[in-house]
Structure formats: C-alpha cells, structure tokens
Amino acid sequence: MPELSQFYGIVIKMYYNDHNPPHFHAEYGGFQMVVDTVTLAVIGGRLPPRATQLVMEWASEHQQDLRDAWQQARNLEPLDQIDPLP
C-alpha cells in the first residue's frame, strides 16, 4: 500500500483500486484508522486522541489532494506524495 505522507510518527496510506467510499488509512503506534476523504468521518478503527486530531487537521488541509490521490489509485497510477504537517 503506497504511502501518501508521514508526520509525527503517523503514516498515511492508500490502497490501489480500493473499495468505496473514497478513504485513506492512517497508522500510528500499532493503531490503524480509516477516514472517508469526502466527509472526513472515521469509518473504521481508531488512533489515540492526539494522533486523530493531527490526522484530521492534515486531512482538512489536503482534502483535494486526497481526492486526487483516490482517483490516481483507482486508475492504478503512481500516487503523488502529499506534504506533511509542519
């Protein structure tokens, strides 16, 4: 599963040709969470509260990038890296 971004020990990934709804996977310290790229709702798993807050902040700043990455993944194209949180 290709990595889109990495920050503060959090890794953001997206599968190629994955099922709907459009989403990404966040991993941190043995925890995993799945987030809808359209609504930014958590649709599976969980991270510790602070890591969740950082993922949501990052995702809200990069929502269009995530939508673009989803389309690239659906088309089996290489995924562009997305800037991490500063």
N, C-alpha and C. Protein backbone atom coordinates (compact mmCIF):
# COMPACT_ATOMS: atom_id res chain seq x y z
N MET A 1 0.86 -1.17 0.00
CA MET A 1 0.00 0.00 0.00
C MET A 1 0.90 1.23 0.00
N PRO A 2 0.77 2.08 -1.00
CA PRO A 2 1.64 3.26 -1.11
C PRO A 2 1.40 4.29 0.00
N GLU A 3 2.50 4.87 0.46
CA GLU A 3 2.43 5.95 1.45
C GLU A 3 2.19 7.27 0.74
N LEU A 4 1.26 8.05 1.29
CA LEU A 4 0.99 9.39 0.77
C LEU A 4 1.75 10.45 1.55
N SER A 5 1.89 10.21 2.86
CA SER A 5 2.53 11.21 3.72
C SER A 5 2.94 10.56 5.03
N GLN A 6 3.81 11.24 5.74
CA GLN A 6 4.26 10.77 7.05
C GLN A 6 4.62 11.97 7.90
N PHE A 7 4.11 12.02 9.13
CA PHE A 7 4.39 13.13 10.04
C PHE A 7 4.14 12.69 11.47
N TYR A 8 5.00 13.14 12.37
CA TYR A 8 4.89 12.86 13.81
C TYR A 8 4.64 11.38 14.11
N GLY A 9 5.26 10.50 13.35
CA GLY A 9 5.10 9.07 13.56
C GLY A 9 3.84 8.48 12.95
N ILE A 10 3.04 9.30 12.31
CA ILE A 10 1.80 8.86 11.66
C ILE A 10 2.10 8.61 10.18
N VAL A 11 1.62 7.49 9.67
CA VAL A 11 1.81 7.15 8.26
C VAL A 11 0.44 7.12 7.60
N ILE A 12 0.32 7.84 6.49
CA ILE A 12 -0.93 7.90 5.72
C ILE A 12 -0.73 7.08 4.45
N LYS A 13 -1.66 6.15 4.19
CA LYS A 13 -1.55 5.26 3.04
C LYS A 13 -2.89 5.18 2.31
N MET A 14 -2.80 4.69 1.06
CA MET A 14 -4.00 4.47 0.27
C MET A 14 -3.75 3.24 -0.61
N TYR A 15 -4.73 2.34 -0.65
CA TYR A 15 -4.64 1.16 -1.49
C TYR A 15 -4.98 1.50 -2.94
N TYR A 16 -4.36 0.77 -3.86
CA TYR A 16 -4.74 0.87 -5.27
C TYR A 16 -6.06 0.16 -5.48
N ASN A 17 -6.93 0.79 -6.29
CA ASN A 17 -8.20 0.20 -6.70
C ASN A 17 -9.01 -0.33 -5.51
N ASP A 18 -9.06 0.43 -4.42
CA ASP A 18 -9.76 0.04 -3.20
C ASP A 18 -11.26 0.27 -3.36
N HIS A 19 -12.03 -0.29 -2.43
CA HIS A 19 -13.49 -0.17 -2.44
C HIS A 19 -13.94 1.24 -2.04
N ASN A 20 -15.17 1.58 -2.42
CA ASN A 20 -15.77 2.84 -1.98
C ASN A 20 -16.27 2.70 -0.55
N PRO A 21 -16.45 3.78 0.19
CA PRO A 21 -16.27 5.17 -0.21
C PRO A 21 -14.77 5.52 -0.29
N PRO A 22 -14.45 6.60 -1.00
CA PRO A 22 -13.06 7.05 -1.06
C PRO A 22 -12.51 7.26 0.36
N HIS A 23 -11.34 6.71 0.64
CA HIS A 23 -10.81 6.79 2.00
C HIS A 23 -9.29 6.62 2.00
N PHE A 24 -8.70 6.93 3.15
CA PHE A 24 -7.28 6.67 3.36
C PHE A 24 -7.11 5.96 4.69
N HIS A 25 -5.94 5.38 4.87
CA HIS A 25 -5.60 4.65 6.09
C HIS A 25 -4.53 5.43 6.83
N ALA A 26 -4.70 5.58 8.13
CA ALA A 26 -3.71 6.23 8.98
C ALA A 26 -3.22 5.19 9.99
N GLU A 27 -1.91 5.13 10.19
CA GLU A 27 -1.31 4.20 11.14
C GLU A 27 -0.43 4.96 12.10
N TYR A 28 -0.50 4.54 13.37
CA TYR A 28 0.33 5.18 14.40
C TYR A 28 0.47 4.23 15.57
N GLY A 29 1.69 3.89 15.91
CA GLY A 29 1.98 3.11 17.11
C GLY A 29 1.15 1.85 17.27
N GLY A 30 0.95 1.10 16.20
CA GLY A 30 0.18 -0.13 16.29
C GLY A 30 -1.32 0.06 16.13
N PHE A 31 -1.78 1.29 16.04
CA PHE A 31 -3.19 1.59 15.81
C PHE A 31 -3.41 1.89 14.34
N GLN A 32 -4.64 1.65 13.87
CA GLN A 32 -5.00 1.97 12.50
C GLN A 32 -6.37 2.61 12.48
N MET A 33 -6.56 3.53 11.53
CA MET A 33 -7.83 4.22 11.39
C MET A 33 -8.07 4.43 9.89
N VAL A 34 -9.33 4.37 9.49
CA VAL A 34 -9.72 4.60 8.10
C VAL A 34 -10.62 5.83 8.08
N VAL A 35 -10.31 6.78 7.17
CA VAL A 35 -11.03 8.06 7.12
C VAL A 35 -11.58 8.30 5.73
N ASP A 36 -12.86 8.65 5.65
CA ASP A 36 -13.52 9.00 4.39
C ASP A 36 -12.92 10.31 3.89
N THR A 37 -12.50 10.36 2.61
CA THR A 37 -11.87 11.57 2.09
C THR A 37 -12.86 12.67 1.76
N VAL A 38 -14.14 12.33 1.64
CA VAL A 38 -15.16 13.33 1.31
C VAL A 38 -15.69 14.00 2.57
N THR A 39 -16.08 13.20 3.56
CA THR A 39 -16.68 13.74 4.78
C THR A 39 -15.68 13.91 5.92
N LEU A 40 -14.53 13.28 5.80
CA LEU A 40 -13.50 13.21 6.86
C LEU A 40 -14.02 12.53 8.12
N ALA A 41 -15.02 11.66 7.95
CA ALA A 41 -15.53 10.86 9.06
C ALA A 41 -14.65 9.62 9.21
N VAL A 42 -14.45 9.20 10.45
CA VAL A 42 -13.74 7.95 10.72
C VAL A 42 -14.71 6.82 10.40
N ILE A 43 -14.30 5.94 9.49
CA ILE A 43 -15.18 4.85 9.09
C ILE A 43 -14.66 3.48 9.53
N GLY A 44 -13.55 3.48 10.26
CA GLY A 44 -13.03 2.24 10.79
C GLY A 44 -11.83 2.47 11.67
N GLY A 45 -11.69 1.63 12.69
CA GLY A 45 -10.54 1.69 13.58
C GLY A 45 -10.49 2.96 14.41
N ARG A 46 -9.32 3.15 15.03
CA ARG A 46 -9.12 4.36 15.82
C ARG A 46 -7.63 4.55 16.10
N LEU A 47 -7.27 5.80 16.36
CA LEU A 47 -5.94 6.18 16.81
C LEU A 47 -6.09 6.85 18.17
N PRO A 48 -5.01 7.01 18.91
CA PRO A 48 -5.09 7.80 20.13
C PRO A 48 -5.61 9.20 19.81
N PRO A 49 -6.26 9.86 20.77
CA PRO A 49 -6.90 11.15 20.51
C PRO A 49 -5.99 12.20 19.87
N ARG A 50 -4.78 12.37 20.34
CA ARG A 50 -3.90 13.40 19.77
C ARG A 50 -3.52 13.06 18.33
N ALA A 51 -3.24 11.80 18.06
CA ALA A 51 -2.92 11.39 16.69
C ALA A 51 -4.13 11.58 15.78
N THR A 52 -5.31 11.28 16.27
CA THR A 52 -6.54 11.50 15.49
C THR A 52 -6.68 12.97 15.15
N GLN A 53 -6.45 13.84 16.13
CA GLN A 53 -6.55 15.28 15.90
C GLN A 53 -5.56 15.72 14.81
N LEU A 54 -4.34 15.23 14.85
CA LEU A 54 -3.34 15.60 13.85
C LEU A 54 -3.74 15.10 12.46
N VAL A 55 -4.26 13.87 12.39
CA VAL A 55 -4.69 13.33 11.09
C VAL A 55 -5.82 14.18 10.52
N MET A 56 -6.78 14.55 11.36
CA MET A 56 -7.92 15.34 10.88
C MET A 56 -7.48 16.74 10.44
N GLU A 57 -6.54 17.33 11.16
CA GLU A 57 -6.01 18.63 10.76
C GLU A 57 -5.33 18.52 9.40
N TRP A 58 -4.49 17.50 9.25
CA TRP A 58 -3.79 17.28 7.98
C TRP A 58 -4.78 17.03 6.85
N ALA A 59 -5.75 16.16 7.10
CA ALA A 59 -6.72 15.80 6.05
C ALA A 59 -7.55 17.00 5.61
N SER A 60 -7.92 17.86 6.56
CA SER A 60 -8.73 19.03 6.18
C SER A 60 -7.91 20.00 5.32
N GLU A 61 -6.61 20.06 5.56
CA GLU A 61 -5.73 20.91 4.75
C GLU A 61 -5.46 20.32 3.36
N HIS A 62 -5.63 19.02 3.22
CA HIS A 62 -5.26 18.34 1.98
C HIS A 62 -6.41 17.53 1.38
N GLN A 63 -7.63 17.98 1.61
CA GLN A 63 -8.77 17.21 1.15
C GLN A 63 -8.79 17.05 -0.37
N GLN A 64 -8.47 18.10 -1.11
CA GLN A 64 -8.44 17.97 -2.58
C GLN A 64 -7.30 17.06 -3.02
N ASP A 65 -6.16 17.15 -2.36
CA ASP A 65 -5.04 16.24 -2.67
C ASP A 65 -5.45 14.78 -2.45
N LEU A 66 -6.22 14.54 -1.39
CA LEU A 66 -6.68 13.18 -1.11
C LEU A 66 -7.66 12.69 -2.17
N ARG A 67 -8.53 13.57 -2.62
CA ARG A 67 -9.46 13.20 -3.68
C ARG A 67 -8.69 12.87 -4.97
N ASP A 68 -7.68 13.67 -5.26
CA ASP A 68 -6.84 13.42 -6.44
C ASP A 68 -6.12 12.09 -6.31
N ALA A 69 -5.58 11.81 -5.13
CA ALA A 69 -4.86 10.56 -4.90
C ALA A 69 -5.81 9.36 -5.05
N TRP A 70 -7.05 9.51 -4.57
CA TRP A 70 -8.02 8.43 -4.71
C TRP A 70 -8.23 8.12 -6.19
N GLN A 71 -8.39 9.16 -6.99
CA GLN A 71 -8.60 8.95 -8.43
C GLN A 71 -7.37 8.30 -9.07
N GLN A 72 -6.18 8.73 -8.67
CA GLN A 72 -4.96 8.11 -9.18
C GLN A 72 -4.93 6.62 -8.81
N ALA A 73 -5.27 6.32 -7.56
CA ALA A 73 -5.26 4.93 -7.10
C ALA A 73 -6.28 4.09 -7.86
N ARG A 74 -7.46 4.64 -8.10
CA ARG A 74 -8.50 3.93 -8.85
C ARG A 74 -8.04 3.65 -10.28
N ASN A 75 -7.23 4.55 -10.83
CA ASN A 75 -6.72 4.39 -12.19
C ASN A 75 -5.39 3.63 -12.23
N LEU A 76 -4.96 3.14 -11.07
CA LEU A 76 -3.71 2.39 -10.94
C LEU A 76 -2.50 3.20 -11.39
N GLU A 77 -2.55 4.51 -11.15
CA GLU A 77 -1.45 5.42 -11.47
C GLU A 77 -0.58 5.64 -10.24
N PRO A 78 0.67 6.04 -10.41
CA PRO A 78 1.52 6.37 -9.26
C PRO A 78 0.87 7.50 -8.44
N LEU A 79 0.95 7.38 -7.12
CA LEU A 79 0.33 8.38 -6.25
C LEU A 79 1.33 9.49 -5.92
N ASP A 80 0.85 10.71 -6.00
CA ASP A 80 1.67 11.86 -5.62
C ASP A 80 1.81 11.91 -4.11
N GLN A 81 2.98 12.29 -3.63
CA GLN A 81 3.18 12.50 -2.20
C GLN A 81 2.43 13.77 -1.78
N ILE A 82 1.93 13.77 -0.56
CA ILE A 82 1.21 14.90 0.00
C ILE A 82 2.06 15.45 1.14
N ASP A 83 2.22 16.78 1.17
CA ASP A 83 3.05 17.41 2.21
C ASP A 83 2.58 17.03 3.61
N PRO A 84 3.51 16.80 4.52
CA PRO A 84 3.15 16.51 5.91
C PRO A 84 2.78 17.77 6.66
N LEU A 85 2.30 17.60 7.88
CA LEU A 85 2.14 18.76 8.76
C LEU A 85 3.52 19.31 9.09
N PRO A 86 3.61 20.60 9.29
CA PRO A 86 4.93 21.19 9.61
C PRO A 86 5.40 20.78 11.00
